[in-house]
Amino acid sequence: MFRVVTWVEKEKNGPTIPLYSVNERLHSMLGISKQSITNLKSEMDELQRQQDEEECRKVQTRSTTTSSVTLPHRKQYWSSSSTAAQANILKALSPRKKGHSGRKSISLSDYAEDIIRLQFHKILSKKEYPTTIKLLSSLKSDYPDFPITSKTTLWRHMKMVQMNQTNQR
C-alpha cells in the first residue's frame, strides 16, 4: 500500500510512464513482474466472463414471458478497501418501473360533478365551513358507491370542476 502511495506522489507533477502503458504502470506501481500482471488480468477477465454468464442465466430464468433477453443496467461500485480484482466487479441494478403501477385515474361524469356541487351547497346552507373532509363524509353517507374515497382526490376533482365551470362561462 505504501508503495502505491509513493508511486502516486511521484506521478503528481506529470506521468513518468505514459498513460497508455497500463502494464508498465502497474509493474512500477505494484512492484510485481509483468507476467504476474498478465496472469492477474486474464484471471480477472475470466471471473468477469463467468459473472456475466451467471447474470444472463438469472435473467433468462426470470424472464419466461418475454422472448428477448436484455441484460440489466450495470453500475460499478468502488471502495477503498476492495482489491483491484473486486473493484471491477459490476453489480446489476434493479429493473426500472414500466408504466403506471398505481390506481387507475378516476374520471367523473357530469352527474358525479353535480353531486359534488350539491353536497357542497348543502354544507353551505347549514352555515358550516365546507372542508374536503366534511364534503367527503357527506358524499360517503349519501352515496356509498361514490368513486372518490380520499380527500386529496376529492380536492383535485373539485379544482377540475371549478376549472370546467370557468371555461364554460
Foldseek 3Di string as FASTA:
>chain_A
DVLQVVLVVVCPVHDPDDPVPVLVSCCNRVVDDSVVVVVVVVVLVVVQVVVVVVQQVVQCVVPPPDDDGDGADWDFDADPPDDPSNRPHIDGDDDDDDDDDDDDDDDDDPVLLVVLVVLQVVCVVVVHDDDLVSSLVVCCVVPVPRPDNDSVSVVVVVVVSVVVVVVVD
